Amino acid sequence: MRLLALSLSLALLTGCSIKQTVTPASIAASPSNEICMIPAQGLREGFHTTYSNLLTQKGFSVRKLSPSANPTQCPLATTYVGNWAWDLAIYMVYADIKVYQDGKQVGHANYDAKWGGGRPDKFIDAENKITEMVNKLFPNGAPAPVAQVPVATSGATLSKAERLQQLMNDKSLSYEEYRRQHQLIEAE
């Protein structure tokens, strides 16, 4: 009988778990620090607002896309999911954030309290948990943008007009980065 009680207790304790894993984003330098945000369908606005503010604080320029967008649409993108549940109170039961560079996943943070059972520590402050995950996912913030080197044709440097046209055709740049590079070319 004691063995049965011990086995049941052990099963209950091991079955009630909260898991969190983070693989920090490994982002290669790029000409822009813009990150496209792709929220899950139906995501609470508070999750998006918190995540967006944290990314801005980390040095990223954020652009929100629709939930149906694909991470390959931007050089740097993030998808994110947040689910809430009810157990005497509403609490964030699950969060998943993925980071993509050029369509390849380069970072991942996951919080899962679905098997939290009777554990009182599942009732976390969602904003604090998102902050913790983002700090671990982007420990060094946004990488500093690298200056684009003008493309040369036939061994000659492009003219000012050609570089401005090339800049105008580059759809991967954020508006801020476009303006910055445009001003640099115009100032020459």
C-alpha atoms as a PDB file:
ATOM      1  CA  MET A   1       0.000   0.000   0.000  1.00  0.00           C
ATOM      2  CA  ARG A   2       2.845   2.403   0.870  1.00  0.00           C
ATOM      3  CA  LEU A   3       4.508   1.568  -2.422  1.00  0.00           C
ATOM      4  CA  LEU A   4       1.303   2.440  -4.294  1.00  0.00           C
ATOM      5  CA  ALA A   5       0.980   5.758  -2.421  1.00  0.00           C
ATOM      6  CA  LEU A   6       4.630   6.571  -3.110  1.00  0.00           C
ATOM      7  CA  SER A   7       4.205   5.715  -6.805  1.00  0.00           C
ATOM      8  CA  LEU A   8       1.102   7.918  -7.084  1.00  0.00           C
ATOM      9  CA  SER A   9       2.829  10.803  -5.330  1.00  0.00           C
ATOM     10  CA  LEU A  10       5.840  10.496  -7.608  1.00  0.00           C
ATOM     11  CA  ALA A  11       3.614  10.370 -10.702  1.00  0.00           C
ATOM     12  CA  LEU A  12       1.754  13.491  -9.597  1.00  0.00           C
ATOM     13  CA  LEU A  13       4.949  15.409  -8.878  1.00  0.00           C
ATOM     14  CA  THR A  14       6.661  14.493 -12.141  1.00  0.00           C
ATOM     15  CA  GLY A  15       3.471  14.979 -14.155  1.00  0.00           C
ATOM     16  CA  CYS A  16       3.071  18.552 -12.924  1.00  0.00           C
ATOM     17  CA  SER A  17       5.806  20.469 -14.642  1.00  0.00           C
ATOM     18  CA  ILE A  18       6.447  23.871 -16.111  1.00  0.00           C
ATOM     19  CA  LYS A  19       9.064  23.991 -18.829  1.00  0.00           C
ATOM     20  CA  GLN A  20      11.006  26.848 -20.331  1.00  0.00           C
ATOM     21  CA  THR A  21      13.687  26.592 -22.975  1.00  0.00           C
ATOM     22  CA  VAL A  22      15.545  29.363 -24.771  1.00  0.00           C
ATOM     23  CA  THR A  23      18.014  29.158 -27.624  1.00  0.00           C
ATOM     24  CA  PRO A  24      19.450  32.689 -28.003  1.00  0.00           C
ATOM     25  CA  ALA A  25      19.039  34.185 -31.460  1.00  0.00           C
ATOM     26  CA  SER A  26      22.178  33.988 -33.554  1.00  0.00           C
ATOM     27  CA  ILE A  27      21.706  36.933 -35.920  1.00  0.00           C
ATOM     28  CA  ALA A  28      24.247  37.745 -38.618  1.00  0.00           C
ATOM     29  CA  ALA A  29      25.011  41.409 -39.277  1.00  0.00           C
ATOM     30  CA  SER A  30      22.802  43.042 -41.893  1.00  0.00           C
ATOM     31  CA  PRO A  31      22.279  46.544 -43.331  1.00  0.00           C
ATOM     32  CA  SER A  32      19.148  47.042 -41.234  1.00  0.00           C
ATOM     33  CA  ASN A  33      18.033  46.268 -37.695  1.00  0.00           C
ATOM     34  CA  GLU A  34      14.377  45.978 -38.759  1.00  0.00           C
ATOM     35  CA  ILE A  35      12.488  42.926 -37.533  1.00  0.00           C
ATOM     36  CA  CYS A  36       9.089  41.956 -38.909  1.00  0.00           C
ATOM     37  CA  MET A  37       6.666  40.839 -36.214  1.00  0.00           C
ATOM     38  CA  ILE A  38       4.184  38.112 -37.169  1.00  0.00           C
ATOM     39  CA  PRO A  39       1.708  37.479 -34.334  1.00  0.00           C
ATOM     40  CA  ALA A  40      -0.422  34.364 -34.024  1.00  0.00           C
ATOM     41  CA  GLN A  41      -4.050  34.721 -35.062  1.00  0.00           C
ATOM     42  CA  GLY A  42      -6.109  36.008 -32.117  1.00  0.00           C
ATOM     43  CA  LEU A  43      -3.106  36.932 -29.972  1.00  0.00           C
ATOM     44  CA  ARG A  44      -3.860  39.264 -27.057  1.00  0.00           C
ATOM     45  CA  GLU A  45      -2.807  42.816 -27.895  1.00  0.00           C
ATOM     46  CA  GLY A  46      -0.952  43.064 -24.558  1.00  0.00           C
ATOM     47  CA  PHE A  47       1.454  40.314 -25.629  1.00  0.00           C
ATOM     48  CA  HIS A  48       2.188  42.096 -28.903  1.00  0.00           C
ATOM     49  CA  THR A  49       2.610  45.489 -27.220  1.00  0.00           C
ATOM     50  CA  THR A  50       4.983  44.094 -24.584  1.00  0.00           C
ATOM     51  CA  TYR A  51       7.054  42.166 -27.138  1.00  0.00           C
ATOM     52  CA  SER A  52       7.186  45.122 -29.547  1.00  0.00           C
ATOM     53  CA  ASN A  53       8.309  47.514 -26.790  1.00  0.00           C
ATOM     54  CA  LEU A  54      11.004  45.085 -25.645  1.00  0.00           C
ATOM     55  CA  LEU A  55      12.350  44.666 -29.179  1.00  0.00           C
ATOM     56  CA  THR A  56      12.473  48.456 -29.574  1.00  0.00           C
ATOM     57  CA  GLN A  57      14.358  48.736 -26.268  1.00  0.00           C
ATOM     58  CA  LYS A  58      16.795  46.113 -27.577  1.00  0.00           C
ATOM     59  CA  GLY A  59      17.558  48.330 -30.592  1.00  0.00           C
ATOM     60  CA  PHE A  60      15.316  46.800 -33.244  1.00  0.00           C
ATOM     61  CA  SER A  61      13.095  48.731 -35.614  1.00  0.00           C
ATOM     62  CA  VAL A  62       9.801  46.813 -35.623  1.00  0.00           C
ATOM     63  CA  ARG A  63       7.241  46.331 -38.367  1.00  0.00           C
ATOM     64  CA  LYS A  64       4.040  44.408 -37.622  1.00  0.00           C
ATOM     65  CA  LEU A  65       2.781  42.068 -40.337  1.00  0.00           C
ATOM     66  CA  SER A  66      -0.469  40.120 -40.492  1.00  0.00           C
ATOM     67  CA  PRO A  67      -0.782  36.695 -38.861  1.00  0.00           C
ATOM     68  CA  SER A  68      -0.885  35.130 -42.332  1.00  0.00           C
ATOM     69  CA  ALA A  69       2.522  36.580 -43.304  1.00  0.00           C
ATOM     70  CA  ASN A  70       5.479  34.304 -43.920  1.00  0.00           C
ATOM     71  CA  PRO A  71       8.834  34.822 -42.125  1.00  0.00           C
ATOM     72  CA  THR A  72      10.558  34.720 -45.526  1.00  0.00           C
ATOM     73  CA  GLN A  73       8.945  38.093 -46.400  1.00  0.00           C
ATOM     74  CA  CYS A  74      11.598  39.959 -44.394  1.00  0.00           C
ATOM     75  CA  PRO A  75      15.339  39.483 -43.878  1.00  0.00           C
ATOM     76  CA  LEU A  76      14.685  39.279 -40.112  1.00  0.00           C
ATOM     77  CA  ALA A  77      11.335  38.133 -38.711  1.00  0.00           C
ATOM     78  CA  THR A  78       9.756  36.793 -35.551  1.00  0.00           C
ATOM     79  CA  THR A  79       6.632  34.727 -35.001  1.00  0.00           C
ATOM     80  CA  TYR A  80       4.999  34.558 -31.589  1.00  0.00           C
ATOM     81  CA  VAL A  81       2.162  32.779 -29.825  1.00  0.00           C
ATOM     82  CA  GLY A  82       0.679  33.338 -26.387  1.00  0.00           C
ATOM     83  CA  ASN A  83      -2.128  31.279 -24.878  1.00  0.00           C
ATOM     84  CA  TRP A  84      -4.058  31.904 -21.678  1.00  0.00           C
ATOM     85  CA  ALA A  85      -6.049  29.456 -19.541  1.00  0.00           C
ATOM     86  CA  TRP A  86      -8.442  29.590 -16.624  1.00  0.00           C
ATOM     87  CA  ASP A  87      -7.794  27.836 -13.308  1.00  0.00           C
ATOM     88  CA  LEU A  88      -9.253  30.003 -10.540  1.00  0.00           C
ATOM     89  CA  ALA A  89      -7.743  32.928 -12.476  1.00  0.00           C
ATOM     90  CA  ILE A  90      -6.614  33.669 -16.031  1.00  0.00           C
ATOM     91  CA  TYR A  91      -2.904  33.072 -16.559  1.00  0.00           C
ATOM     92  CA  MET A  92      -0.468  32.735 -19.463  1.00  0.00           C
ATOM     93  CA  VAL A  93      -0.133  29.005 -19.938  1.00  0.00           C
ATOM     94  CA  TYR A  94       2.003  28.967 -23.086  1.00  0.00           C
ATOM     95  CA  ALA A  95       4.298  31.300 -25.043  1.00  0.00           C
ATOM     96  CA  ASP A  96       6.422  30.523 -28.070  1.00  0.00           C
ATOM     97  CA  ILE A  97       8.696  32.995 -29.863  1.00  0.00           C
ATOM     98  CA  LYS A  98      10.742  32.106 -32.934  1.00  0.00           C
ATOM     99  CA  VAL A  99      13.282  34.279 -34.756  1.00  0.00           C
ATOM    100  CA  TYR A 100      14.110  33.842 -38.447  1.00  0.00           C
ATOM    101  CA  GLN A 101      16.851  35.334 -40.578  1.00  0.00           C
ATOM    102  CA  ASP A 102      16.509  34.901 -44.332  1.00  0.00           C
ATOM    103  CA  GLY A 103      13.780  32.320 -43.694  1.00  0.00           C
ATOM    104  CA  LYS A 104      15.946  30.135 -41.438  1.00  0.00           C
ATOM    105  CA  GLN A 105      15.133  29.785 -37.730  1.00  0.00           C
ATOM    106  CA  VAL A 106      17.992  31.314 -35.712  1.00  0.00           C
ATOM    107  CA  GLY A 107      16.461  31.552 -32.221  1.00  0.00           C
ATOM    108  CA  HIS A 108      13.633  30.115 -30.113  1.00  0.00           C
ATOM    109  CA  ALA A 109      12.070  30.739 -26.708  1.00  0.00           C
ATOM    110  CA  ASN A 110       9.318  28.558 -25.278  1.00  0.00           C
ATOM    111  CA  TYR A 111       7.380  28.648 -22.000  1.00  0.00           C
ATOM    112  CA  ASP A 112       4.932  25.813 -21.317  1.00  0.00           C
ATOM    113  CA  ALA A 113       2.849  25.520 -18.150  1.00  0.00           C
ATOM    114  CA  LYS A 114       0.161  23.276 -19.697  1.00  0.00           C
ATOM    115  CA  TRP A 115       1.187  20.505 -17.342  1.00  0.00           C
ATOM    116  CA  GLY A 116       1.451  22.833 -14.339  1.00  0.00           C
ATOM    117  CA  GLY A 117      -1.456  21.081 -12.621  1.00  0.00           C
ATOM    118  CA  GLY A 118      -1.856  22.288  -9.058  1.00  0.00           C
ATOM    119  CA  ARG A 119       1.396  24.228  -8.967  1.00  0.00           C
ATOM    120  CA  PRO A 120       0.783  27.782  -7.749  1.00  0.00           C
ATOM    121  CA  ASP A 121       3.862  29.105  -9.602  1.00  0.00           C
ATOM    122  CA  LYS A 122       1.995  28.730 -12.896  1.00  0.00           C
ATOM    123  CA  PHE A 123       0.207  32.007 -12.062  1.00  0.00           C
ATOM    124  CA  ILE A 124       2.998  34.198 -13.397  1.00  0.00           C
ATOM    125  CA  ASP A 125       2.938  37.819 -14.480  1.00  0.00           C
ATOM    126  CA  ALA A 126       2.823  37.483 -18.288  1.00  0.00           C
ATOM    127  CA  GLU A 127       4.694  40.743 -18.922  1.00  0.00           C
ATOM    128  CA  ASN A 128       7.558  39.679 -16.641  1.00  0.00           C
ATOM    129  CA  LYS A 129       7.728  36.235 -18.303  1.00  0.00           C
ATOM    130  CA  ILE A 130       7.794  37.749 -21.815  1.00  0.00           C
ATOM    131  CA  THR A 131      10.533  40.161 -20.671  1.00  0.00           C
ATOM    132  CA  GLU A 132      12.579  37.273 -19.246  1.00  0.00           C
ATOM    133  CA  MET A 133      12.208  35.278 -22.470  1.00  0.00           C
ATOM    134  CA  VAL A 134      13.163  38.236 -24.698  1.00  0.00           C
ATOM    135  CA  ASN A 135      16.202  39.066 -22.541  1.00  0.00           C
ATOM    136  CA  LYS A 136      17.416  35.479 -22.912  1.00  0.00           C
ATOM    137  CA  LEU A 137      16.520  35.333 -26.614  1.00  0.00           C
ATOM    138  CA  PHE A 138      18.339  38.600 -27.447  1.00  0.00           C
ATOM    139  CA  PRO A 139      21.013  38.893 -24.710  1.00  0.00           C
ATOM    140  CA  ASN A 140      23.054  41.416 -26.730  1.00  0.00           C
ATOM    141  CA  GLY A 141      20.143  43.280 -28.310  1.00  0.00           C
ATOM    142  CA  ALA A 142      19.971  44.056 -32.003  1.00  0.00           C
ATOM    143  CA  PRO A 143      23.222  43.722 -33.915  1.00  0.00           C
ATOM    144  CA  ALA A 144      24.589  47.026 -35.183  1.00  0.00           C
ATOM    145  CA  PRO A 145      23.609  47.534 -38.824  1.00  0.00           C
ATOM    146  CA  VAL A 146      26.507  47.258 -41.255  1.00  0.00           C
ATOM    147  CA  ALA A 147      26.937  49.902 -43.925  1.00  0.00           C
ATOM    148  CA  GLN A 148      26.149  48.731 -47.399  1.00  0.00           C
ATOM    149  CA  VAL A 149      29.073  48.877 -49.786  1.00  0.00           C
ATOM    150  CA  PRO A 150      28.116  50.392 -53.135  1.00  0.00           C
ATOM    151  CA  VAL A 151      28.041  47.751 -55.858  1.00  0.00           C
ATOM    152  CA  ALA A 152      30.611  48.288 -58.577  1.00  0.00           C
ATOM    153  CA  THR A 153      29.976  47.484 -62.228  1.00  0.00           C
ATOM    154  CA  SER A 154      32.820  46.647 -64.595  1.00  0.00           C
ATOM    155  CA  GLY A 155      35.369  47.817 -62.030  1.00  0.00           C
ATOM    156  CA  ALA A 156      33.817  51.313 -61.820  1.00  0.00           C
ATOM    157  CA  THR A 157      31.849  52.761 -58.907  1.00  0.00           C
ATOM    158  CA  LEU A 158      28.189  53.485 -59.569  1.00  0.00           C
ATOM    159  CA  SER A 159      27.199  57.089 -60.086  1.00  0.00           C
ATOM    160  CA  LYS A 160      25.202  58.930 -57.456  1.00  0.00           C
ATOM    161  CA  ALA A 161      22.033  58.613 -59.569  1.00  0.00           C
ATOM    162  CA  GLU A 162      22.593  54.870 -60.062  1.00  0.00           C
ATOM    163  CA  ARG A 163      23.114  54.325 -56.326  1.00  0.00           C
ATOM    164  CA  LEU A 164      19.944  56.299 -55.533  1.00  0.00           C
ATOM    165  CA  GLN A 165      18.020  54.182 -58.040  1.00  0.00           C
ATOM    166  CA  GLN A 166      19.469  50.994 -56.558  1.00  0.00           C
ATOM    167  CA  LEU A 167      18.500  52.195 -53.078  1.00  0.00           C
ATOM    168  CA  MET A 168      14.959  52.957 -54.252  1.00  0.00           C
ATOM    169  CA  ASN A 169      14.653  49.431 -55.672  1.00  0.00           C
ATOM    170  CA  ASP A 170      15.804  47.778 -52.416  1.00  0.00           C
ATOM    171  CA  LYS A 171      12.484  46.757 -50.798  1.00  0.00           C
ATOM    172  CA  SER A 172      14.159  45.016 -47.859  1.00  0.00           C
ATOM    173  CA  LEU A 173      15.047  48.271 -46.087  1.00  0.00           C
ATOM    174  CA  SER A 174      12.891  49.912 -43.462  1.00  0.00           C
ATOM    175  CA  TYR A 175      11.812  53.459 -44.161  1.00  0.00           C
ATOM    176  CA  GLU A 176      14.236  54.763 -41.515  1.00  0.00           C
ATOM    177  CA  GLU A 177      17.169  52.867 -43.036  1.00  0.00           C
ATOM    178  CA  TYR A 178      16.192  53.987 -46.549  1.00  0.00           C
ATOM    179  CA  ARG A 179      16.112  57.646 -45.429  1.00  0.00           C
ATOM    180  CA  ARG A 180      19.465  57.304 -43.646  1.00  0.00           C
ATOM    181  CA  GLN A 181      21.179  55.805 -46.702  1.00  0.00           C
ATOM    182  CA  HIS A 182      19.474  58.276 -49.045  1.00  0.00           C
ATOM    183  CA  GLN A 183      20.775  61.190 -46.965  1.00  0.00           C
ATOM    184  CA  LEU A 184      24.298  59.728 -46.997  1.00  0.00           C
ATOM    185  CA  ILE A 185      24.299  59.434 -50.794  1.00  0.00           C
ATOM    186  CA  GLU A 186      22.793  62.900 -51.246  1.00  0.00           C
ATOM    187  CA  ALA A 187      25.405  64.426 -48.914  1.00  0.00           C
ATOM    188  CA  GLU A 188      28.304  63.241 -51.106  1.00  0.00           C
END
